[in-house]
Amino acid sequence: MALGTEKKQEIIAKFGRQASDTGSSEVQVALLSQRISDLSAHLKSNPKDHSSRLGLLKLVGQRRNLLKYLKRTQHDRYLELIQALGIKNR
Protein backbone atom coordinates (compact mmCIF):
# COMPACT_ATOMS: atom_id res chain seq x y z
CA MET A 1 0.00 0.00 0.00
CA ALA A 2 2.20 2.77 -1.26
CA LEU A 3 1.38 6.44 -0.98
CA GLY A 4 0.62 8.36 -4.13
CA THR A 5 3.09 10.93 -5.41
CA GLU A 6 0.69 13.82 -4.85
CA LYS A 7 0.05 12.78 -1.25
CA LYS A 8 3.78 12.43 -0.58
CA GLN A 9 4.49 15.88 -2.02
CA GLU A 10 1.73 17.36 0.12
CA ILE A 11 3.16 15.79 3.30
CA ILE A 12 6.71 16.87 2.40
CA ALA A 13 5.53 20.44 1.78
CA LYS A 14 3.70 20.53 5.11
CA PHE A 15 6.36 18.98 7.36
CA GLY A 16 9.62 19.58 5.48
CA ARG A 17 12.05 22.34 6.30
CA GLN A 18 12.58 23.03 2.57
CA ALA A 19 10.78 22.05 -0.61
CA SER A 20 13.23 19.22 -1.33
CA ASP A 21 13.48 17.99 2.28
CA THR A 22 12.56 14.31 2.21
CA GLY A 23 14.96 12.87 4.75
CA SER A 24 14.34 14.84 7.92
CA SER A 25 12.87 12.99 10.86
CA GLU A 26 9.70 15.06 10.79
CA VAL A 27 8.95 14.16 7.17
CA GLN A 28 9.75 10.49 7.73
CA VAL A 29 7.44 10.32 10.76
CA ALA A 30 4.65 12.09 8.86
CA LEU A 31 4.97 9.69 5.90
CA LEU A 32 5.01 6.67 8.22
CA SER A 33 1.95 8.00 10.04
CA GLN A 34 0.04 8.26 6.78
CA ARG A 35 1.02 4.72 5.79
CA ILE A 36 0.03 3.46 9.25
CA SER A 37 -3.40 5.04 9.01
CA ASP A 38 -3.91 3.60 5.50
CA LEU A 39 -2.89 0.12 6.66
CA SER A 40 -5.11 0.36 9.73
CA ALA A 41 -8.10 1.13 7.52
CA HIS A 42 -7.19 -1.80 5.27
CA LEU A 43 -6.96 -4.16 8.23
CA LYS A 44 -10.39 -3.11 9.50
CA SER A 45 -11.94 -4.40 6.30
CA ASN A 46 -9.53 -7.37 5.94
CA PRO A 47 -8.95 -8.75 9.45
CA LYS A 48 -7.30 -11.98 8.26
CA ASP A 49 -4.52 -10.26 6.32
CA HIS A 50 -1.69 -11.24 8.64
CA SER A 51 1.16 -10.17 6.38
CA SER A 52 -0.20 -6.63 6.31
CA ARG A 53 -0.56 -6.74 10.09
CA LEU A 54 3.12 -7.64 10.44
CA GLY A 55 4.02 -4.81 8.07
CA LEU A 56 1.94 -2.44 10.19
CA LEU A 57 3.79 -3.48 13.33
CA LYS A 58 7.10 -2.91 11.56
CA LEU A 59 6.03 0.59 10.50
CA VAL A 60 4.88 1.43 14.02
CA GLY A 61 8.27 0.35 15.37
CA GLN A 62 10.12 2.48 12.82
CA ARG A 63 7.99 5.50 13.69
CA ARG A 64 8.49 4.93 17.41
CA ASN A 65 12.28 4.83 16.96
CA LEU A 66 12.27 8.03 14.89
CA LEU A 67 10.10 9.75 17.49
CA LYS A 68 12.45 8.67 20.30
CA TYR A 69 15.38 10.10 18.34
CA LEU A 70 13.55 13.36 17.68
CA LYS A 71 12.48 13.65 21.31
CA ARG A 72 16.07 13.13 22.47
CA THR A 73 17.72 15.53 20.02
CA GLN A 74 15.14 18.25 19.19
CA HIS A 75 12.44 18.26 21.83
CA ASP A 76 10.64 21.39 20.58
CA ARG A 77 10.24 19.97 17.05
CA TYR A 78 9.09 16.68 18.58
CA LEU A 79 6.31 18.45 20.48
CA GLU A 80 5.20 20.38 17.39
CA LEU A 81 5.15 17.20 15.30
CA ILE A 82 3.11 15.07 17.66
CA GLN A 83 0.67 17.95 18.08
CA ALA A 84 0.27 18.28 14.29
CA LEU A 85 -0.11 14.52 13.74
CA GLY A 86 -2.24 13.83 16.80
CA ILE A 87 0.14 11.24 18.24
CA LYS A 88 0.23 10.49 21.97
CA ASN A 89 3.15 11.92 23.92
CA ARG A 90 5.05 9.15 25.68
C-alpha atoms as a PDB file:
ATOM      1  CA  MET A   1       0.000   0.000   0.000  1.00  0.00           C
ATOM      2  CA  ALA A   2       2.202   2.772  -1.263  1.00  0.00           C
ATOM      3  CA  LEU A   3       1.383   6.436  -0.983  1.00  0.00           C
ATOM      4  CA  GLY A   4       0.616   8.364  -4.134  1.00  0.00           C
ATOM      5  CA  THR A   5       3.090  10.926  -5.415  1.00  0.00           C
ATOM      6  CA  GLU A   6       0.691  13.815  -4.845  1.00  0.00           C
ATOM      7  CA  LYS A   7       0.049  12.778  -1.246  1.00  0.00           C
ATOM      8  CA  LYS A   8       3.783  12.433  -0.577  1.00  0.00           C
ATOM      9  CA  GLN A   9       4.494  15.878  -2.018  1.00  0.00           C
ATOM     10  CA  GLU A  10       1.728  17.358   0.124  1.00  0.00           C
ATOM     11  CA  ILE A  11       3.158  15.794   3.300  1.00  0.00           C
ATOM     12  CA  ILE A  12       6.707  16.872   2.400  1.00  0.00           C
ATOM     13  CA  ALA A  13       5.535  20.442   1.784  1.00  0.00           C
ATOM     14  CA  LYS A  14       3.704  20.531   5.107  1.00  0.00           C
ATOM     15  CA  PHE A  15       6.361  18.982   7.363  1.00  0.00           C
ATOM     16  CA  GLY A  16       9.622  19.578   5.479  1.00  0.00           C
ATOM     17  CA  ARG A  17      12.048  22.344   6.301  1.00  0.00           C
ATOM     18  CA  GLN A  18      12.576  23.033   2.575  1.00  0.00           C
ATOM     19  CA  ALA A  19      10.778  22.050  -0.611  1.00  0.00           C
ATOM     20  CA  SER A  20      13.226  19.224  -1.329  1.00  0.00           C
ATOM     21  CA  ASP A  21      13.479  17.989   2.277  1.00  0.00           C
ATOM     22  CA  THR A  22      12.556  14.313   2.212  1.00  0.00           C
ATOM     23  CA  GLY A  23      14.957  12.865   4.751  1.00  0.00           C
ATOM     24  CA  SER A  24      14.337  14.843   7.919  1.00  0.00           C
ATOM     25  CA  SER A  25      12.873  12.987  10.859  1.00  0.00           C
ATOM     26  CA  GLU A  26       9.698  15.064  10.790  1.00  0.00           C
ATOM     27  CA  VAL A  27       8.947  14.157   7.171  1.00  0.00           C
ATOM     28  CA  GLN A  28       9.748  10.487   7.733  1.00  0.00           C
ATOM     29  CA  VAL A  29       7.442  10.324  10.759  1.00  0.00           C
ATOM     30  CA  ALA A  30       4.645  12.085   8.858  1.00  0.00           C
ATOM     31  CA  LEU A  31       4.970   9.689   5.904  1.00  0.00           C
ATOM     32  CA  LEU A  32       5.015   6.671   8.216  1.00  0.00           C
ATOM     33  CA  SER A  33       1.953   8.002  10.044  1.00  0.00           C
ATOM     34  CA  GLN A  34       0.040   8.259   6.777  1.00  0.00           C
ATOM     35  CA  ARG A  35       1.020   4.724   5.786  1.00  0.00           C
ATOM     36  CA  ILE A  36       0.034   3.463   9.247  1.00  0.00           C
ATOM     37  CA  SER A  37      -3.400   5.037   9.009  1.00  0.00           C
ATOM     38  CA  ASP A  38      -3.912   3.599   5.503  1.00  0.00           C
ATOM     39  CA  LEU A  39      -2.891   0.122   6.660  1.00  0.00           C
ATOM     40  CA  SER A  40      -5.112   0.364   9.729  1.00  0.00           C
ATOM     41  CA  ALA A  41      -8.104   1.129   7.519  1.00  0.00           C
ATOM     42  CA  HIS A  42      -7.186  -1.800   5.266  1.00  0.00           C
ATOM     43  CA  LEU A  43      -6.964  -4.158   8.226  1.00  0.00           C
ATOM     44  CA  LYS A  44     -10.387  -3.110   9.504  1.00  0.00           C
ATOM     45  CA  SER A  45     -11.939  -4.405   6.302  1.00  0.00           C
ATOM     46  CA  ASN A  46      -9.535  -7.373   5.941  1.00  0.00           C
ATOM     47  CA  PRO A  47      -8.953  -8.747   9.450  1.00  0.00           C
ATOM     48  CA  LYS A  48      -7.305 -11.980   8.260  1.00  0.00           C
ATOM     49  CA  ASP A  49      -4.522 -10.256   6.318  1.00  0.00           C
ATOM     50  CA  HIS A  50      -1.693 -11.245   8.643  1.00  0.00           C
ATOM     51  CA  SER A  51       1.159 -10.174   6.385  1.00  0.00           C
ATOM     52  CA  SER A  52      -0.196  -6.629   6.311  1.00  0.00           C
ATOM     53  CA  ARG A  53      -0.563  -6.738  10.091  1.00  0.00           C
ATOM     54  CA  LEU A  54       3.119  -7.641  10.438  1.00  0.00           C
ATOM     55  CA  GLY A  55       4.019  -4.808   8.071  1.00  0.00           C
ATOM     56  CA  LEU A  56       1.940  -2.441  10.190  1.00  0.00           C
ATOM     57  CA  LEU A  57       3.795  -3.480  13.334  1.00  0.00           C
ATOM     58  CA  LYS A  58       7.104  -2.906  11.564  1.00  0.00           C
ATOM     59  CA  LEU A  59       6.030   0.594  10.498  1.00  0.00           C
ATOM     60  CA  VAL A  60       4.876   1.435  14.018  1.00  0.00           C
ATOM     61  CA  GLY A  61       8.271   0.348  15.370  1.00  0.00           C
ATOM     62  CA  GLN A  62      10.118   2.483  12.822  1.00  0.00           C
ATOM     63  CA  ARG A  63       7.987   5.498  13.694  1.00  0.00           C
ATOM     64  CA  ARG A  64       8.494   4.926  17.408  1.00  0.00           C
ATOM     65  CA  ASN A  65      12.283   4.833  16.962  1.00  0.00           C
ATOM     66  CA  LEU A  66      12.266   8.027  14.892  1.00  0.00           C
ATOM     67  CA  LEU A  67      10.102   9.754  17.491  1.00  0.00           C
ATOM     68  CA  LYS A  68      12.450   8.670  20.295  1.00  0.00           C
ATOM     69  CA  TYR A  69      15.382  10.102  18.336  1.00  0.00           C
ATOM     70  CA  LEU A  70      13.545  13.355  17.677  1.00  0.00           C
ATOM     71  CA  LYS A  71      12.482  13.654  21.313  1.00  0.00           C
ATOM     72  CA  ARG A  72      16.067  13.134  22.468  1.00  0.00           C
ATOM     73  CA  THR A  73      17.720  15.533  20.017  1.00  0.00           C
ATOM     74  CA  GLN A  74      15.142  18.249  19.186  1.00  0.00           C
ATOM     75  CA  HIS A  75      12.435  18.259  21.829  1.00  0.00           C
ATOM     76  CA  ASP A  76      10.635  21.390  20.578  1.00  0.00           C
ATOM     77  CA  ARG A  77      10.244  19.970  17.052  1.00  0.00           C
ATOM     78  CA  TYR A  78       9.089  16.685  18.584  1.00  0.00           C
ATOM     79  CA  LEU A  79       6.310  18.453  20.483  1.00  0.00           C
ATOM     80  CA  GLU A  80       5.195  20.377  17.390  1.00  0.00           C
ATOM     81  CA  LEU A  81       5.153  17.198  15.301  1.00  0.00           C
ATOM     82  CA  ILE A  82       3.110  15.074  17.662  1.00  0.00           C
ATOM     83  CA  GLN A  83       0.668  17.954  18.077  1.00  0.00           C
ATOM     84  CA  ALA A  84       0.270  18.279  14.295  1.00  0.00           C
ATOM     85  CA  LEU A  85      -0.108  14.524  13.738  1.00  0.00           C
ATOM     86  CA  GLY A  86      -2.242  13.833  16.796  1.00  0.00           C
ATOM     87  CA  ILE A  87       0.140  11.237  18.241  1.00  0.00           C
ATOM     88  CA  LYS A  88       0.233  10.489  21.965  1.00  0.00           C
ATOM     89  CA  ASN A  89       3.145  11.923  23.920  1.00  0.00           C
ATOM     90  CA  ARG A  90       5.046   9.148  25.682  1.00  0.00           C
END
